[in-house]
Amino acid sequence: MAAVSMTGKAGEKTQEETVGSTDPNVQDVQAELDNLRRDIAALTQAITSLGSAKLQEAGARASEMGAEMAGASAAAYQSARDGLRTAEQDLETRIRNNPLQAVGIAAGIGFLAALLTRR
């Protein structure tokens, strides 16, 4: 261990005191340091496992939300597709029932488009 040298005021007396493991105070301090190291290691491990658990929980939530959003967007897509299909069928039916009216409307739209693109 370490050797500490102490001198008096006039340098008359030199006292060498060896600080070793036999001193009860040093042993107590060393034991407390060892306990503190173990506590810090246990705390570090507890924080690591807590952080890991929270990370896994957040990942699971994100996966759930992603699946829900994918399902909702698929449902919205299917709904829009069905709506367009219905509108197409209705338009087809109207054209079949009134072909002259449909041709007139198409000619009018074509005439307006020609006027707008000419400018």
C-alpha atoms as a PDB file:
ATOM      1  CA  MET A   1       0.000   0.000   0.000  1.00  0.00           C
ATOM      2  CA  ALA A   2       1.038   3.627   0.384  1.00  0.00           C
ATOM      3  CA  ALA A   3       3.519   5.030   2.868  1.00  0.00           C
ATOM      4  CA  VAL A   4       2.839   8.469   4.271  1.00  0.00           C
ATOM      5  CA  SER A   5       5.705  10.501   5.690  1.00  0.00           C
ATOM      6  CA  MET A   6       4.957  13.220   8.238  1.00  0.00           C
ATOM      7  CA  THR A   7       7.427  15.730   9.680  1.00  0.00           C
ATOM      8  CA  GLY A   8       7.053  18.003  12.690  1.00  0.00           C
ATOM      9  CA  LYS A   9       7.473  21.787  12.726  1.00  0.00           C
ATOM     10  CA  ALA A  10      11.193  21.808  13.285  1.00  0.00           C
ATOM     11  CA  GLY A  11      11.835  18.677  11.225  1.00  0.00           C
ATOM     12  CA  GLU A  12      12.899  16.942  14.405  1.00  0.00           C
ATOM     13  CA  LYS A  13      10.632  14.012  14.183  1.00  0.00           C
ATOM     14  CA  THR A  14       9.825  11.913  11.130  1.00  0.00           C
ATOM     15  CA  GLN A  15       7.019   9.507  11.535  1.00  0.00           C
ATOM     16  CA  GLU A  16       6.316   6.885   8.895  1.00  0.00           C
ATOM     17  CA  GLU A  17       2.834   5.563   8.946  1.00  0.00           C
ATOM     18  CA  THR A  18       1.938   2.753   6.663  1.00  0.00           C
ATOM     19  CA  VAL A  19      -1.693   2.761   5.518  1.00  0.00           C
ATOM     20  CA  GLY A  20      -2.604  -0.816   4.883  1.00  0.00           C
ATOM     21  CA  SER A  21      -5.517  -3.169   4.858  1.00  0.00           C
ATOM     22  CA  THR A  22      -5.107  -3.737   8.601  1.00  0.00           C
ATOM     23  CA  ASP A  23      -6.588  -0.339   9.487  1.00  0.00           C
ATOM     24  CA  PRO A  24     -10.330  -0.820  10.317  1.00  0.00           C
ATOM     25  CA  ASN A  25     -11.298   2.551   8.820  1.00  0.00           C
ATOM     26  CA  VAL A  26      -9.630   1.747   5.505  1.00  0.00           C
ATOM     27  CA  GLN A  27     -11.324  -1.639   5.438  1.00  0.00           C
ATOM     28  CA  ASP A  28     -14.692  -0.003   6.078  1.00  0.00           C
ATOM     29  CA  VAL A  29     -14.120   2.517   3.307  1.00  0.00           C
ATOM     30  CA  GLN A  30     -12.981  -0.211   0.941  1.00  0.00           C
ATOM     31  CA  ALA A  31     -16.054  -2.308   1.786  1.00  0.00           C
ATOM     32  CA  GLU A  32     -18.324   0.696   1.201  1.00  0.00           C
ATOM     33  CA  LEU A  33     -16.633   1.363  -2.153  1.00  0.00           C
ATOM     34  CA  ASP A  34     -17.142  -2.264  -3.139  1.00  0.00           C
ATOM     35  CA  ASN A  35     -20.803  -2.047  -2.127  1.00  0.00           C
ATOM     36  CA  LEU A  36     -21.144   1.178  -4.094  1.00  0.00           C
ATOM     37  CA  ARG A  37     -19.596  -0.439  -7.185  1.00  0.00           C
ATOM     38  CA  ARG A  38     -22.000  -3.381  -6.934  1.00  0.00           C
ATOM     39  CA  ASP A  39     -24.958  -1.024  -6.459  1.00  0.00           C
ATOM     40  CA  ILE A  40     -23.916   1.064  -9.475  1.00  0.00           C
ATOM     41  CA  ALA A  41     -23.520  -2.085 -11.583  1.00  0.00           C
ATOM     42  CA  ALA A  42     -26.956  -3.335 -10.474  1.00  0.00           C
ATOM     43  CA  LEU A  43     -28.500   0.083 -11.169  1.00  0.00           C
ATOM     44  CA  THR A  44     -26.887   0.212 -14.598  1.00  0.00           C
ATOM     45  CA  GLN A  45     -28.228  -3.227 -15.427  1.00  0.00           C
ATOM     46  CA  ALA A  46     -31.717  -2.299 -14.150  1.00  0.00           C
ATOM     47  CA  ILE A  47     -31.760   0.885 -16.244  1.00  0.00           C
ATOM     48  CA  THR A  48     -30.544  -1.032 -19.284  1.00  0.00           C
ATOM     49  CA  SER A  49     -33.242  -3.680 -18.945  1.00  0.00           C
ATOM     50  CA  LEU A  50     -35.911  -1.015 -18.348  1.00  0.00           C
ATOM     51  CA  GLY A  51     -34.791   0.898 -21.421  1.00  0.00           C
ATOM     52  CA  SER A  52     -34.751  -2.289 -23.454  1.00  0.00           C
ATOM     53  CA  ALA A  53     -38.267  -3.188 -22.299  1.00  0.00           C
ATOM     54  CA  LYS A  54     -39.545   0.306 -23.121  1.00  0.00           C
ATOM     55  CA  LEU A  55     -37.906   0.122 -26.545  1.00  0.00           C
ATOM     56  CA  GLN A  56     -39.580  -3.201 -27.268  1.00  0.00           C
ATOM     57  CA  GLU A  57     -42.916  -1.822 -26.058  1.00  0.00           C
ATOM     58  CA  ALA A  58     -42.574   1.221 -28.322  1.00  0.00           C
ATOM     59  CA  GLY A  59     -41.668  -1.046 -31.249  1.00  0.00           C
ATOM     60  CA  ALA A  60     -44.748  -3.184 -30.635  1.00  0.00           C
ATOM     61  CA  ARG A  61     -46.961  -0.072 -30.491  1.00  0.00           C
ATOM     62  CA  ALA A  62     -45.464   1.240 -33.716  1.00  0.00           C
ATOM     63  CA  SER A  63     -46.075  -2.109 -35.413  1.00  0.00           C
ATOM     64  CA  GLU A  64     -49.691  -2.120 -34.225  1.00  0.00           C
ATOM     65  CA  MET A  65     -50.233   1.432 -35.425  1.00  0.00           C
ATOM     66  CA  GLY A  66     -48.646   0.594 -38.774  1.00  0.00           C
ATOM     67  CA  ALA A  67     -50.911  -2.419 -39.191  1.00  0.00           C
ATOM     68  CA  GLU A  68     -53.977  -0.353 -38.248  1.00  0.00           C
ATOM     69  CA  MET A  69     -53.017   2.395 -40.684  1.00  0.00           C
ATOM     70  CA  ALA A  70     -52.387  -0.139 -43.450  1.00  0.00           C
ATOM     71  CA  GLY A  71     -55.801  -1.686 -42.807  1.00  0.00           C
ATOM     72  CA  ALA A  72     -57.506   1.711 -42.770  1.00  0.00           C
ATOM     73  CA  SER A  73     -55.812   2.819 -45.988  1.00  0.00           C
ATOM     74  CA  ALA A  74     -56.693  -0.475 -47.690  1.00  0.00           C
ATOM     75  CA  ALA A  75     -60.326  -0.019 -46.622  1.00  0.00           C
ATOM     76  CA  ALA A  76     -60.340   3.593 -47.899  1.00  0.00           C
ATOM     77  CA  TYR A  77     -58.795   2.475 -51.198  1.00  0.00           C
ATOM     78  CA  GLN A  78     -61.377  -0.278 -51.598  1.00  0.00           C
ATOM     79  CA  SER A  79     -64.208   2.133 -50.755  1.00  0.00           C
ATOM     80  CA  ALA A  80     -62.977   4.687 -53.304  1.00  0.00           C
ATOM     81  CA  ARG A  81     -62.546   1.970 -55.906  1.00  0.00           C
ATOM     82  CA  ASP A  82     -66.062   0.670 -55.317  1.00  0.00           C
ATOM     83  CA  GLY A  83     -67.443   4.217 -55.521  1.00  0.00           C
ATOM     84  CA  LEU A  84     -65.705   4.850 -58.844  1.00  0.00           C
ATOM     85  CA  ARG A  85     -66.890   1.519 -60.187  1.00  0.00           C
ATOM     86  CA  THR A  86     -70.475   2.395 -59.230  1.00  0.00           C
ATOM     87  CA  ALA A  87     -70.179   5.856 -60.803  1.00  0.00           C
ATOM     88  CA  GLU A  88     -68.777   4.294 -64.000  1.00  0.00           C
ATOM     89  CA  GLN A  89     -71.646   1.817 -64.163  1.00  0.00           C
ATOM     90  CA  ASP A  90     -74.206   4.614 -63.612  1.00  0.00           C
ATOM     91  CA  LEU A  91     -72.624   6.715 -66.361  1.00  0.00           C
ATOM     92  CA  GLU A  92     -72.578   3.750 -68.704  1.00  0.00           C
ATOM     93  CA  THR A  93     -76.245   3.091 -68.014  1.00  0.00           C
ATOM     94  CA  ARG A  94     -77.192   6.739 -68.673  1.00  0.00           C
ATOM     95  CA  ILE A  95     -75.212   6.749 -71.921  1.00  0.00           C
ATOM     96  CA  ARG A  96     -76.954   3.558 -73.080  1.00  0.00           C
ATOM     97  CA  ASN A  97     -80.394   4.991 -72.200  1.00  0.00           C
ATOM     98  CA  ASN A  98     -79.771   8.432 -73.810  1.00  0.00           C
ATOM     99  CA  PRO A  99     -77.088   8.082 -76.495  1.00  0.00           C
ATOM    100  CA  LEU A 100     -77.936  11.317 -78.352  1.00  0.00           C
ATOM    101  CA  GLN A 101     -77.826  13.372 -75.172  1.00  0.00           C
ATOM    102  CA  ALA A 102     -74.443  11.812 -74.299  1.00  0.00           C
ATOM    103  CA  VAL A 103     -73.036  12.636 -77.752  1.00  0.00           C
ATOM    104  CA  GLY A 104     -74.318  16.237 -77.444  1.00  0.00           C
ATOM    105  CA  ILE A 105     -72.736  16.664 -74.018  1.00  0.00           C
ATOM    106  CA  ALA A 106     -69.451  15.186 -75.234  1.00  0.00           C
ATOM    107  CA  ALA A 107     -69.463  17.532 -78.269  1.00  0.00           C
ATOM    108  CA  GLY A 108     -70.147  20.548 -76.028  1.00  0.00           C
ATOM    109  CA  ILE A 109     -67.299  19.627 -73.676  1.00  0.00           C
ATOM    110  CA  GLY A 110     -64.981  19.131 -76.658  1.00  0.00           C
ATOM    111  CA  PHE A 111     -65.982  22.539 -78.096  1.00  0.00           C
ATOM    112  CA  LEU A 112     -65.303  24.276 -74.728  1.00  0.00           C
ATOM    113  CA  ALA A 113     -61.942  22.527 -74.410  1.00  0.00           C
ATOM    114  CA  ALA A 114     -61.000  23.647 -77.928  1.00  0.00           C
ATOM    115  CA  LEU A 115     -61.921  27.241 -77.094  1.00  0.00           C
ATOM    116  CA  LEU A 116     -59.915  27.227 -73.880  1.00  0.00           C
ATOM    117  CA  THR A 117     -56.784  25.724 -75.429  1.00  0.00           C
ATOM    118  CA  ARG A 118     -56.884  28.093 -78.403  1.00  0.00           C
ATOM    119  CA  ARG A 119     -56.214  31.162 -76.249  1.00  0.00           C
END
